[in-house]
PDB file of N, CA and C in Angstrom:
ATOM      1  N   MET A   1     -10.553 -13.120  -8.042  1.00  0.00           N
ATOM      2  CA  MET A   1      -9.538 -12.539  -7.185  1.00  0.00           C
ATOM      3  C   MET A   1      -9.109 -13.564  -6.149  1.00  0.00           C
ATOM      4  N   SER A   2      -7.845 -13.523  -5.810  1.00  0.00           N
ATOM      5  CA  SER A   2      -7.293 -14.489  -4.872  1.00  0.00           C
ATOM      6  C   SER A   2      -6.799 -13.786  -3.609  1.00  0.00           C
ATOM      7  N   PHE A   3      -7.735 -13.460  -2.741  1.00  0.00           N
ATOM      8  CA  PHE A   3      -7.376 -12.765  -1.505  1.00  0.00           C
ATOM      9  C   PHE A   3      -6.684 -13.724  -0.541  1.00  0.00           C
ATOM     10  N   VAL A   4      -5.632 -13.209   0.120  1.00  0.00           N
ATOM     11  CA  VAL A   4      -4.911 -13.968   1.137  1.00  0.00           C
ATOM     12  C   VAL A   4      -4.797 -13.111   2.395  1.00  0.00           C
ATOM     13  N   ARG A   5      -4.740 -13.789   3.536  1.00  0.00           N
ATOM     14  CA  ARG A   5      -4.616 -13.060   4.798  1.00  0.00           C
ATOM     15  C   ARG A   5      -3.250 -12.388   4.861  1.00  0.00           C
ATOM     16  N   ALA A   6      -3.271 -11.088   5.165  1.00  0.00           N
ATOM     17  CA  ALA A   6      -2.033 -10.325   5.289  1.00  0.00           C
ATOM     18  C   ALA A   6      -1.620 -10.169   6.749  1.00  0.00           C
ATOM     19  N   CYS A   7      -2.609  -9.836   7.602  1.00  0.00           N
ATOM     20  CA  CYS A   7      -2.322  -9.612   9.019  1.00  0.00           C
ATOM     21  C   CYS A   7      -3.639  -9.363   9.747  1.00  0.00           C
ATOM     22  N   ALA A   8      -3.555  -9.238  11.046  1.00  0.00           N
ATOM     23  CA  ALA A   8      -4.711  -8.830  11.834  1.00  0.00           C
ATOM     24  C   ALA A   8      -4.874  -7.321  11.711  1.00  0.00           C
ATOM     25  N   VAL A   9      -6.112  -6.860  11.702  1.00  0.00           N
ATOM     26  CA  VAL A   9      -6.386  -5.427  11.629  1.00  0.00           C
ATOM     27  C   VAL A   9      -5.687  -4.696  12.783  1.00  0.00           C
ATOM     28  N   ALA A  10      -5.680  -5.293  13.957  1.00  0.00           N
ATOM     29  CA  ALA A  10      -5.075  -4.666  15.147  1.00  0.00           C
ATOM     30  C   ALA A  10      -3.567  -4.469  15.022  1.00  0.00           C
ATOM     31  N   GLU A  11      -2.919  -5.162  14.089  1.00  0.00           N
ATOM     32  CA  GLU A  11      -1.480  -5.030  13.909  1.00  0.00           C
ATOM     33  C   GLU A  11      -1.084  -3.750  13.178  1.00  0.00           C
ATOM     34  N   VAL A  12      -2.088  -3.035  12.632  1.00  0.00           N
ATOM     35  CA  VAL A  12      -1.803  -1.813  11.869  1.00  0.00           C
ATOM     36  C   VAL A  12      -2.662  -0.682  12.438  1.00  0.00           C
ATOM     37  N   PRO A  13      -2.193  -0.039  13.504  1.00  0.00           N
ATOM     38  CA  PRO A  13      -2.962   1.054  14.106  1.00  0.00           C
ATOM     39  C   PRO A  13      -3.160   2.218  13.123  1.00  0.00           C
ATOM     40  N   LEU A  14      -4.167   3.000  13.357  1.00  0.00           N
ATOM     41  CA  LEU A  14      -4.449   4.171  12.527  1.00  0.00           C
ATOM     42  C   LEU A  14      -3.207   5.049  12.414  1.00  0.00           C
ATOM     43  N   GLY A  15      -2.879   5.448  11.189  1.00  0.00           N
ATOM     44  CA  GLY A  15      -1.730   6.307  10.946  1.00  0.00           C
ATOM     45  C   GLY A  15      -0.410   5.572  10.850  1.00  0.00           C
ATOM     46  N   SER A  16      -0.470   4.245  10.689  1.00  0.00           N
ATOM     47  CA  SER A  16       0.768   3.469  10.609  1.00  0.00           C
ATOM     48  C   SER A  16       0.774   2.565   9.380  1.00  0.00           C
ATOM     49  N   ALA A  17       1.948   1.995   9.129  1.00  0.00           N
ATOM     50  CA  ALA A  17       2.127   1.045   8.032  1.00  0.00           C
ATOM     51  C   ALA A  17       2.872  -0.165   8.563  1.00  0.00           C
ATOM     52  N   LYS A  18       2.574  -1.322   7.970  1.00  0.00           N
ATOM     53  CA  LYS A  18       3.239  -2.568   8.365  1.00  0.00           C
ATOM     54  C   LYS A  18       3.638  -3.312   7.104  1.00  0.00           C
ATOM     55  N   ALA A  19       4.892  -3.755   7.046  1.00  0.00           N
ATOM     56  CA  ALA A  19       5.361  -4.570   5.930  1.00  0.00           C
ATOM     57  C   ALA A  19       4.909  -6.005   6.160  1.00  0.00           C
ATOM     58  N   VAL A  20       4.323  -6.617   5.129  1.00  0.00           N
ATOM     59  CA  VAL A  20       3.926  -8.018   5.210  1.00  0.00           C
ATOM     60  C   VAL A  20       4.584  -8.778   4.061  1.00  0.00           C
ATOM     61  N   ASP A  21       5.050  -9.977   4.367  1.00  0.00           N
ATOM     62  CA  ASP A  21       5.698 -10.832   3.373  1.00  0.00           C
ATOM     63  C   ASP A  21       4.717 -11.909   2.963  1.00  0.00           C
ATOM     64  N   LEU A  22       4.273 -11.853   1.720  1.00  0.00           N
ATOM     65  CA  LEU A  22       3.350 -12.854   1.203  1.00  0.00           C
ATOM     66  C   LEU A  22       4.050 -13.819   0.253  1.00  0.00           C
ATOM     67  N   GLY A  23       5.375 -13.793   0.255  1.00  0.00           N
ATOM     68  CA  GLY A  23       6.143 -14.709  -0.551  1.00  0.00           C
ATOM     69  C   GLY A  23       6.333 -14.280  -1.995  1.00  0.00           C
ATOM     70  N   GLY A  24       6.030 -13.036  -2.319  1.00  0.00           N
ATOM     71  CA  GLY A  24       6.210 -12.543  -3.680  1.00  0.00           C
ATOM     72  C   GLY A  24       7.575 -11.937  -3.873  1.00  0.00           C
ATOM     73  N   GLU A  25       7.709 -11.175  -4.952  1.00  0.00           N
ATOM     74  CA  GLU A  25       8.985 -10.532  -5.261  1.00  0.00           C
ATOM     75  C   GLU A  25       9.370  -9.494  -4.218  1.00  0.00           C
ATOM     76  N   ALA A  26       8.377  -8.793  -3.674  1.00  0.00           N
ATOM     77  CA  ALA A  26       8.635  -7.742  -2.689  1.00  0.00           C
ATOM     78  C   ALA A  26       7.565  -7.784  -1.619  1.00  0.00           C
ATOM     79  N   ASP A  27       7.909  -7.294  -0.432  1.00  0.00           N
ATOM     80  CA  ASP A  27       6.901  -7.159   0.611  1.00  0.00           C
ATOM     81  C   ASP A  27       5.845  -6.160   0.171  1.00  0.00           C
ATOM     82  N   ILE A  28       4.721  -6.198   0.857  1.00  0.00           N
ATOM     83  CA  ILE A  28       3.641  -5.249   0.617  1.00  0.00           C
ATOM     84  C   ILE A  28       3.427  -4.474   1.908  1.00  0.00           C
ATOM     85  N   ALA A  29       3.272  -3.158   1.801  1.00  0.00           N
ATOM     86  CA  ALA A  29       2.998  -2.320   2.960  1.00  0.00           C
ATOM     87  C   ALA A  29       1.489  -2.177   3.107  1.00  0.00           C
ATOM     88  N   VAL A  30       0.981  -2.556   4.268  1.00  0.00           N
ATOM     89  CA  VAL A  30      -0.415  -2.335   4.607  1.00  0.00           C
ATOM     90  C   VAL A  30      -0.457  -1.034   5.398  1.00  0.00           C
ATOM     91  N   VAL A  31      -1.298  -0.097   4.957  1.00  0.00           N
ATOM     92  CA  VAL A  31      -1.328   1.243   5.539  1.00  0.00           C
ATOM     93  C   VAL A  31      -2.733   1.538   6.042  1.00  0.00           C
ATOM     94  N   ASN A  32      -2.834   2.019   7.273  1.00  0.00           N
ATOM     95  CA  ASN A  32      -4.128   2.362   7.872  1.00  0.00           C
ATOM     96  C   ASN A  32      -4.246   3.879   7.943  1.00  0.00           C
ATOM     97  N   THR A  33      -5.222   4.426   7.213  1.00  0.00           N
ATOM     98  CA  THR A  33      -5.450   5.874   7.191  1.00  0.00           C
ATOM     99  C   THR A  33      -6.881   6.176   7.591  1.00  0.00           C
ATOM    100  N   GLU A  34      -7.187   7.448   7.768  1.00  0.00           N
ATOM    101  CA  GLU A  34      -8.561   7.871   8.048  1.00  0.00           C
ATOM    102  C   GLU A  34      -9.514   7.417   6.941  1.00  0.00           C
ATOM    103  N   ALA A  35      -9.002   7.256   5.725  1.00  0.00           N
ATOM    104  CA  ALA A  35      -9.823   6.842   4.574  1.00  0.00           C
ATOM    105  C   ALA A  35      -9.943   5.330   4.471  1.00  0.00           C
ATOM    106  N   GLY A  36      -9.269   4.583   5.337  1.00  0.00           N
ATOM    107  CA  GLY A  36      -9.325   3.132   5.307  1.00  0.00           C
ATOM    108  C   GLY A  36      -7.957   2.507   5.161  1.00  0.00           C
ATOM    109  N   PHE A  37      -7.960   1.219   4.884  1.00  0.00           N
ATOM    110  CA  PHE A  37      -6.716   0.472   4.702  1.00  0.00           C
ATOM    111  C   PHE A  37      -6.340   0.449   3.227  1.00  0.00           C
ATOM    112  N   PHE A  38      -5.035   0.488   2.984  1.00  0.00           N
ATOM    113  CA  PHE A  38      -4.493   0.409   1.635  1.00  0.00           C
ATOM    114  C   PHE A  38      -3.328  -0.570   1.653  1.00  0.00           C
ATOM    115  N   ALA A  39      -3.045  -1.131   0.478  1.00  0.00           N
ATOM    116  CA  ALA A  39      -1.899  -2.030   0.332  1.00  0.00           C
ATOM    117  C   ALA A  39      -1.102  -1.578  -0.884  1.00  0.00           C
ATOM    118  N   ILE A  40       0.181  -1.345  -0.683  1.00  0.00           N
ATOM    119  CA  ILE A  40       1.062  -0.832  -1.727  1.00  0.00           C
ATOM    120  C   ILE A  40       2.376  -1.602  -1.680  1.00  0.00           C
ATOM    121  N   GLN A  41       2.980  -1.835  -2.827  1.00  0.00           N
ATOM    122  CA  GLN A  41       4.283  -2.502  -2.833  1.00  0.00           C
ATOM    123  C   GLN A  41       5.220  -1.751  -1.907  1.00  0.00           C
ATOM    124  N   ASP A  42       5.953  -2.484  -1.099  1.00  0.00           N
ATOM    125  CA  ASP A  42       6.778  -1.863  -0.058  1.00  0.00           C
ATOM    126  C   ASP A  42       8.175  -1.502  -0.546  1.00  0.00           C
ATOM    127  N   VAL A  43       8.287  -1.130  -1.818  1.00  0.00           N
ATOM    128  CA  VAL A  43       9.578  -0.727  -2.367  1.00  0.00           C
ATOM    129  C   VAL A  43       9.391   0.546  -3.182  1.00  0.00           C
ATOM    130  N   CYS A  44      10.101   1.591  -2.806  1.00  0.00           N
ATOM    131  CA  CYS A  44      10.062   2.836  -3.563  1.00  0.00           C
ATOM    132  C   CYS A  44      10.628   2.582  -4.961  1.00  0.00           C
ATOM    133  N   SER A  45       9.954   3.097  -5.972  1.00  0.00           N
ATOM    134  CA  SER A  45      10.408   2.882  -7.346  1.00  0.00           C
ATOM    135  C   SER A  45      11.641   3.714  -7.693  1.00  0.00           C
ATOM    136  N   HIS A  46      12.016   4.631  -6.827  1.00  0.00           N
ATOM    137  CA  HIS A  46      13.195   5.453  -7.088  1.00  0.00           C
ATOM    138  C   HIS A  46      14.446   4.900  -6.410  1.00  0.00           C
ATOM    139  N   ALA A  47      14.348   4.605  -5.110  1.00  0.00           N
ATOM    140  CA  ALA A  47      15.551   4.251  -4.362  1.00  0.00           C
ATOM    141  C   ALA A  47      15.549   2.838  -3.796  1.00  0.00           C
ATOM    142  N   GLU A  48      14.500   2.086  -4.061  1.00  0.00           N
ATOM    143  CA  GLU A  48      14.400   0.710  -3.589  1.00  0.00           C
ATOM    144  C   GLU A  48      14.592   0.588  -2.075  1.00  0.00           C
ATOM    145  N   VAL A  49      13.874   1.426  -1.335  1.00  0.00           N
ATOM    146  CA  VAL A  49      13.842   1.332   0.123  1.00  0.00           C
ATOM    147  C   VAL A  49      12.387   1.085   0.540  1.00  0.00           C
ATOM    148  N   ALA A  50      12.201   0.648   1.777  1.00  0.00           N
ATOM    149  CA  ALA A  50      10.873   0.288   2.269  1.00  0.00           C
ATOM    150  C   ALA A  50       9.975   1.514   2.432  1.00  0.00           C
ATOM    151  N   LEU A  51       8.857   1.514   1.713  1.00  0.00           N
ATOM    152  CA  LEU A  51       7.885   2.600   1.867  1.00  0.00           C
ATOM    153  C   LEU A  51       7.182   2.525   3.222  1.00  0.00           C
ATOM    154  N   SER A  52       7.113   1.336   3.809  1.00  0.00           N
ATOM    155  CA  SER A  52       6.445   1.187   5.105  1.00  0.00           C
ATOM    156  C   SER A  52       7.142   1.981   6.206  1.00  0.00           C
ATOM    157  N   ASP A  53       8.370   2.433   5.963  1.00  0.00           N
ATOM    158  CA  ASP A  53       9.091   3.260   6.935  1.00  0.00           C
ATOM    159  C   ASP A  53       8.844   4.752   6.714  1.00  0.00           C
ATOM    160  N   GLY A  54       8.024   5.078   5.721  1.00  0.00           N
ATOM    161  CA  GLY A  54       7.786   6.473   5.383  1.00  0.00           C
ATOM    162  C   GLY A  54       6.661   7.112   6.182  1.00  0.00           C
ATOM    163  N   ASP A  55       6.384   8.368   5.848  1.00  0.00           N
ATOM    164  CA  ASP A  55       5.359   9.153   6.540  1.00  0.00           C
ATOM    165  C   ASP A  55       4.045   9.103   5.784  1.00  0.00           C
ATOM    166  N   ILE A  56       2.956   8.936   6.540  1.00  0.00           N
ATOM    167  CA  ILE A  56       1.609   8.878   5.990  1.00  0.00           C
ATOM    168  C   ILE A  56       0.952  10.230   6.184  1.00  0.00           C
ATOM    169  N   ASP A  57       0.307  10.718   5.118  1.00  0.00           N
ATOM    170  CA  ASP A  57      -0.438  11.974   5.187  1.00  0.00           C
ATOM    171  C   ASP A  57      -1.674  11.817   4.314  1.00  0.00           C
ATOM    172  N   GLY A  58      -2.825  11.641   4.945  1.00  0.00           N
ATOM    173  CA  GLY A  58      -4.049  11.408   4.179  1.00  0.00           C
ATOM    174  C   GLY A  58      -3.929  10.106   3.416  1.00  0.00           C
ATOM    175  N   CYS A  59      -4.104  10.177   2.110  1.00  0.00           N
ATOM    176  CA  CYS A  59      -3.999   8.992   1.249  1.00  0.00           C
ATOM    177  C   CYS A  59      -2.670   8.949   0.509  1.00  0.00           C
ATOM    178  N   THR A  60      -1.618   9.481   1.157  1.00  0.00           N
ATOM    179  CA  THR A  60      -0.291   9.452   0.548  1.00  0.00           C
ATOM    180  C   THR A  60       0.722   8.859   1.516  1.00  0.00           C
ATOM    181  N   LEU A  61       1.796   8.350   0.921  1.00  0.00           N
ATOM    182  CA  LEU A  61       2.897   7.785   1.684  1.00  0.00           C
ATOM    183  C   LEU A  61       4.190   8.351   1.113  1.00  0.00           C
ATOM    184  N   GLU A  62       4.992   8.969   1.991  1.00  0.00           N
ATOM    185  CA  GLU A  62       6.240   9.600   1.561  1.00  0.00           C
ATOM    186  C   GLU A  62       7.425   8.704   1.867  1.00  0.00           C
ATOM    187  N   CYS A  63       8.247   8.458   0.868  1.00  0.00           N
ATOM    188  CA  CYS A  63       9.472   7.684   1.056  1.00  0.00           C
ATOM    189  C   CYS A  63      10.446   8.503   1.913  1.00  0.00           C
ATOM    190  N   TYR A  64      10.989   7.878   2.937  1.00  0.00           N
ATOM    191  CA  TYR A  64      11.876   8.600   3.858  1.00  0.00           C
ATOM    192  C   TYR A  64      13.226   8.942   3.239  1.00  0.00           C
ATOM    193  N   MET A  65      13.629   8.222   2.189  1.00  0.00           N
ATOM    194  CA  MET A  65      14.976   8.409   1.649  1.00  0.00           C
ATOM    195  C   MET A  65      15.124   9.728   0.884  1.00  0.00           C
ATOM    196  N   HIS A  66      14.268   9.982  -0.090  1.00  0.00           N
ATOM    197  CA  HIS A  66      14.411  11.175  -0.930  1.00  0.00           C
ATOM    198  C   HIS A  66      13.133  11.995  -1.045  1.00  0.00           C
ATOM    199  N   GLY A  67      12.072  11.611  -0.321  1.00  0.00           N
ATOM    200  CA  GLY A  67      10.872  12.434  -0.264  1.00  0.00           C
ATOM    201  C   GLY A  67       9.838  12.221  -1.349  1.00  0.00           C
ATOM    202  N   SER A  68       9.989  11.190  -2.170  1.00  0.00           N
ATOM    203  CA  SER A  68       8.945  10.924  -3.160  1.00  0.00           C
ATOM    204  C   SER A  68       7.658  10.557  -2.431  1.00  0.00           C
ATOM    205  N   VAL A  69       6.552  11.090  -2.917  1.00  0.00           N
ATOM    206  CA  VAL A  69       5.244  10.840  -2.319  1.00  0.00           C
ATOM    207  C   VAL A  69       4.415  10.018  -3.301  1.00  0.00           C
ATOM    208  N   PHE A  70       3.778   8.948  -2.785  1.00  0.00           N
ATOM    209  CA  PHE A  70       2.956   8.070  -3.603  1.00  0.00           C
ATOM    210  C   PHE A  70       1.506   8.117  -3.144  1.00  0.00           C
ATOM    211  N   ASP A  71       0.585   8.121  -4.104  1.00  0.00           N
ATOM    212  CA  ASP A  71      -0.840   8.051  -3.813  1.00  0.00           C
ATOM    213  C   ASP A  71      -1.167   6.611  -3.444  1.00  0.00           C
ATOM    214  N   LEU A  72      -1.714   6.388  -2.262  1.00  0.00           N
ATOM    215  CA  LEU A  72      -2.023   5.043  -1.802  1.00  0.00           C
ATOM    216  C   LEU A  72      -3.155   4.400  -2.593  1.00  0.00           C
ATOM    217  N   ARG A  73      -3.975   5.200  -3.251  1.00  0.00           N
ATOM    218  CA  ARG A  73      -5.102   4.672  -4.026  1.00  0.00           C
ATOM    219  C   ARG A  73      -4.680   4.180  -5.402  1.00  0.00           C
ATOM    220  N   THR A  74      -3.616   4.766  -5.953  1.00  0.00           N
ATOM    221  CA  THR A  74      -3.224   4.458  -7.329  1.00  0.00           C
ATOM    222  C   THR A  74      -1.791   3.977  -7.470  1.00  0.00           C
ATOM    223  N   GLY A  75      -0.936   4.305  -6.507  1.00  0.00           N
ATOM    224  CA  GLY A  75       0.485   3.984  -6.607  1.00  0.00           C
ATOM    225  C   GLY A  75       1.280   4.987  -7.422  1.00  0.00           C
ATOM    226  N   LEU A  76       0.609   6.010  -7.930  1.00  0.00           N
ATOM    227  CA  LEU A  76       1.285   7.008  -8.757  1.00  0.00           C
ATOM    228  C   LEU A  76       2.163   7.921  -7.909  1.00  0.00           C
ATOM    229  N   PRO A  77       3.371   8.230  -8.383  1.00  0.00           N
ATOM    230  CA  PRO A  77       4.215   9.195  -7.671  1.00  0.00           C
ATOM    231  C   PRO A  77       3.660  10.602  -7.896  1.00  0.00           C
ATOM    232  N   LEU A  78       3.649  11.391  -6.844  1.00  0.00           N
ATOM    233  CA  LEU A  78       3.089  12.737  -6.918  1.00  0.00           C
ATOM    234  C   LEU A  78       4.164  13.808  -7.029  1.00  0.00           C
ATOM    235  N   ASN A  79       5.418  13.415  -6.877  1.00  0.00           N
ATOM    236  CA  ASN A  79       6.517  14.367  -7.010  1.00  0.00           C
ATOM    237  C   ASN A  79       7.801  13.613  -7.326  1.00  0.00           C
ATOM    238  N   LEU A  80       8.809  14.375  -7.693  1.00  0.00           N
ATOM    239  CA  LEU A  80      10.126  13.800  -7.967  1.00  0.00           C
ATOM    240  C   LEU A  80      10.841  13.519  -6.655  1.00  0.00           C
ATOM    241  N   PRO A  81      11.794  12.643  -6.623  1.00  0.00           N
ATOM    242  CA  PRO A  81      12.489  12.088  -7.770  1.00  0.00           C
ATOM    243  C   PRO A  81      11.818  10.853  -8.386  1.00  0.00           C
ATOM    244  N   ALA A  82      10.859  10.217  -7.731  1.00  0.00           N
ATOM    245  CA  ALA A  82      10.219   9.037  -8.326  1.00  0.00           C
ATOM    246  C   ALA A  82       9.383   9.442  -9.528  1.00  0.00           C
ATOM    247  N   THR A  83       9.442   8.638 -10.569  1.00  0.00           N
ATOM    248  CA  THR A  83       8.641   8.874 -11.770  1.00  0.00           C
ATOM    249  C   THR A  83       7.855   7.627 -12.168  1.00  0.00           C
ATOM    250  N   ILE A  84       8.136   6.504 -11.533  1.00  0.00           N
ATOM    251  CA  ILE A  84       7.495   5.234 -11.869  1.00  0.00           C
ATOM    252  C   ILE A  84       6.510   4.857 -10.761  1.00  0.00           C
ATOM    253  N   PRO A  85       5.272   4.517 -11.112  1.00  0.00           N
ATOM    254  CA  PRO A  85       4.301   4.094 -10.093  1.00  0.00           C
ATOM    255  C   PRO A  85       4.707   2.772  -9.446  1.00  0.00           C
ATOM    256  N   VAL A  86       4.161   2.511  -8.271  1.00  0.00           N
ATOM    257  CA  VAL A  86       4.316   1.219  -7.613  1.00  0.00           C
ATOM    258  C   VAL A  86       2.937   0.565  -7.526  1.00  0.00           C
ATOM    259  N   PRO A  87       2.877  -0.754  -7.594  1.00  0.00           N
ATOM    260  CA  PRO A  87       1.578  -1.427  -7.555  1.00  0.00           C
ATOM    261  C   PRO A  87       0.851  -1.230  -6.221  1.00  0.00           C
ATOM    262  N   VAL A  88      -0.466  -1.103  -6.315  1.00  0.00           N
ATOM    263  CA  VAL A  88      -1.337  -1.126  -5.143  1.00  0.00           C
ATOM    264  C   VAL A  88      -2.317  -2.274  -5.334  1.00  0.00           C
ATOM    265  N   TYR A  89      -2.843  -2.777  -4.229  1.00  0.00           N
ATOM    266  CA  TYR A  89      -3.610  -4.012  -4.258  1.00  0.00           C
ATOM    267  C   TYR A  89      -4.955  -3.863  -3.557  1.00  0.00           C
ATOM    268  N   PRO A  90      -5.953  -4.620  -4.009  1.00  0.00           N
ATOM    269  CA  PRO A  90      -7.261  -4.592  -3.336  1.00  0.00           C
ATOM    270  C   PRO A  90      -7.141  -5.092  -1.899  1.00  0.00           C
ATOM    271  N   VAL A  91      -7.930  -4.486  -1.019  1.00  0.00           N
ATOM    272  CA  VAL A  91      -7.934  -4.828   0.403  1.00  0.00           C
ATOM    273  C   VAL A  91      -9.352  -5.208   0.806  1.00  0.00           C
ATOM    274  N   ARG A  92      -9.438  -6.218   1.655  1.00  0.00           N
ATOM    275  CA  ARG A  92     -10.736  -6.652   2.188  1.00  0.00           C
ATOM    276  C   ARG A  92     -10.547  -6.947   3.671  1.00  0.00           C
ATOM    277  N   ILE A  93     -11.520  -6.551   4.486  1.00  0.00           N
ATOM    278  CA  ILE A  93     -11.493  -6.865   5.910  1.00  0.00           C
ATOM    279  C   ILE A  93     -12.574  -7.905   6.174  1.00  0.00           C
ATOM    280  N   GLU A  94     -12.188  -8.981   6.830  1.00  0.00           N
ATOM    281  CA  GLU A  94     -13.114 -10.033   7.234  1.00  0.00           C
ATOM    282  C   GLU A  94     -12.891 -10.297   8.708  1.00  0.00           C
ATOM    283  N   GLY A  95     -13.870  -9.920   9.520  1.00  0.00           N
ATOM    284  CA  GLY A  95     -13.722 -10.078  10.963  1.00  0.00           C
ATOM    285  C   GLY A  95     -12.585  -9.219  11.469  1.00  0.00           C
ATOM    286  N   ASP A  96     -11.619  -9.857  12.128  1.00  0.00           N
ATOM    287  CA  ASP A  96     -10.469  -9.144  12.693  1.00  0.00           C
ATOM    288  C   ASP A  96      -9.243  -9.198  11.788  1.00  0.00           C
ATOM    289  N   ASP A  97      -9.413  -9.725  10.585  1.00  0.00           N
ATOM    290  CA  ASP A  97      -8.271  -9.925   9.696  1.00  0.00           C
ATOM    291  C   ASP A  97      -8.365  -9.083   8.435  1.00  0.00           C
ATOM    292  N   LEU A  98      -7.196  -8.748   7.913  1.00  0.00           N
ATOM    293  CA  LEU A  98      -7.085  -7.969   6.700  1.00  0.00           C
ATOM    294  C   LEU A  98      -6.548  -8.868   5.591  1.00  0.00           C
ATOM    295  N   TYR A  99      -7.235  -8.869   4.467  1.00  0.00           N
ATOM    296  CA  TYR A  99      -6.853  -9.684   3.320  1.00  0.00           C
ATOM    297  C   TYR A  99      -6.533  -8.764   2.152  1.00  0.00           C
ATOM    298  N   LEU A 100      -5.625  -9.214   1.300  1.00  0.00           N
ATOM    299  CA  LEU A 100      -5.357  -8.472   0.080  1.00  0.00           C
ATOM    300  C   LEU A 100      -5.108  -9.443  -1.057  1.00  0.00           C
ATOM    301  N   ASP A 101      -5.187  -8.903  -2.262  1.00  0.00           N
ATOM    302  CA  ASP A 101      -5.053  -9.713  -3.468  1.00  0.00           C
ATOM    303  C   ASP A 101      -3.765  -9.341  -4.185  1.00  0.00           C
ATOM    304  N   PRO A 102      -2.659 -10.035  -3.868  1.00  0.00           N
ATOM    305  CA  PRO A 102      -1.362  -9.661  -4.455  1.00  0.00           C
ATOM    306  C   PRO A 102      -1.237 -10.015  -5.936  1.00  0.00           C
ATOM    307  N   ASP A 103      -2.149 -10.835  -6.445  1.00  0.00           N
ATOM    308  CA  ASP A 103      -2.061 -11.259  -7.844  1.00  0.00           C
ATOM    309  C   ASP A 103      -2.786 -10.328  -8.811  1.00  0.00           C
ATOM    310  N   ASN A 104      -3.552  -9.394  -8.270  1.00  0.00           N
ATOM    311  CA  ASN A 104      -4.356  -8.515  -9.125  1.00  0.00           C
ATOM    312  C   ASN A 104      -4.229  -7.059  -8.698  1.00  0.00           C
ATOM    313  N   PRO A 105      -3.126  -6.399  -9.056  1.00  0.00           N
ATOM    314  CA  PRO A 105      -2.969  -4.981  -8.695  1.00  0.00           C
ATOM    315  C   PRO A 105      -4.126  -4.144  -9.212  1.00  0.00           C
ATOM    316  N   ILE A 106      -4.410  -3.080  -8.494  1.00  0.00           N
ATOM    317  CA  ILE A 106      -5.485  -2.160  -8.863  1.00  0.00           C
ATOM    318  C   ILE A 106      -5.070  -1.344 -10.078  1.00  0.00           C
ATOM    319  N   ASP A 107      -5.997  -1.165 -10.981  1.00  0.00           N
ATOM    320  CA  ASP A 107      -5.785  -0.328 -12.162  1.00  0.00           C
ATOM    321  C   ASP A 107      -5.731   1.124 -11.703  1.00  0.00           C
ATOM    322  N   PRO A 108      -4.601   1.822 -11.899  1.00  0.00           N
ATOM    323  CA  PRO A 108      -4.499   3.205 -11.430  1.00  0.00           C
ATOM    324  C   PRO A 108      -5.518   4.144 -12.078  1.00  0.00           C
ATOM    325  N   ASP A 109      -6.069   3.760 -13.217  1.00  0.00           N
ATOM    326  CA  ASP A 109      -7.076   4.590 -13.876  1.00  0.00           C
ATOM    327  C   ASP A 109      -8.472   4.361 -13.312  1.00  0.00           C
ATOM    328  N   ASN A 110      -8.628   3.363 -12.431  1.00  0.00           N
ATOM    329  CA  ASN A 110      -9.933   3.041 -11.880  1.00  0.00           C
ATOM    330  C   ASN A 110      -9.799   2.565 -10.435  1.00  0.00           C
ATOM    331  N   PRO A 111      -9.214   3.365  -9.552  1.00  0.00           N
ATOM    332  CA  PRO A 111      -8.871   2.883  -8.218  1.00  0.00           C
ATOM    333  C   PRO A 111     -10.057   2.611  -7.301  1.00  0.00           C
ATOM    334  N   ILE A 112     -11.111   3.405  -7.359  1.00  0.00           N
ATOM    335  CA  ILE A 112     -12.207   3.256  -6.397  1.00  0.00           C
ATOM    336  C   ILE A 112     -12.981   1.973  -6.640  1.00  0.00           C
ATOM    337  N   GLU A 113     -13.256   1.650  -7.891  1.00  0.00           N
ATOM    338  CA  GLU A 113     -14.020   0.454  -8.217  1.00  0.00           C
ATOM    339  C   GLU A 113     -13.341  -0.813  -7.711  1.00  0.00           C
ATOM    340  N   ASN A 114     -12.021  -0.816  -7.688  1.00  0.00           N
ATOM    341  CA  ASN A 114     -11.279  -2.003  -7.338  1.00  0.00           C
ATOM    342  C   ASN A 114     -11.037  -2.163  -5.835  1.00  0.00           C
ATOM    343  N   GLN A 115     -11.278  -1.146  -5.050  1.00  0.00           N
ATOM    344  CA  GLN A 115     -11.004  -1.185  -3.612  1.00  0.00           C
ATOM    345  C   GLN A 115     -12.218  -1.709  -2.867  1.00  0.00           C
ATOM    346  N   GLU A 116     -12.072  -2.796  -2.119  1.00  0.00           N
ATOM    347  CA  GLU A 116     -13.164  -3.386  -1.364  1.00  0.00           C
ATOM    348  C   GLU A 116     -12.921  -3.196   0.128  1.00  0.00           C
ATOM    349  N   GLN A 117     -13.807  -2.429   0.783  1.00  0.00           N
ATOM    350  CA  GLN A 117     -13.679  -2.284   2.232  1.00  0.00           C
ATOM    351  C   GLN A 117     -15.049  -2.218   2.849  1.00  0.00           C
TER     352      GLN A 117
END
């Protein structure tokens, strides 16, 4: 796995999301929830808007444009209009920094094994 620094942990307060640019095709949203930190592609698969601007509820993130809800652990859409999953990425915390692995998305069929916190 090729973990890279995404941001400082303090930059993502509990209950918030932050878009980070790691130089890939799309930004990645780092999300801080009661269950921990998650990293999900920051583009809704339905309307191509930033998921980091959406609402967080537990381990889900709702797109503000049309209300599609995505599971932060798997990237799977939980309701319409989105029908296509978005990639989620392994997260690791080292000291005061948050790292993620943008080259190895988490397998939606095995999300817990792949999440490092």
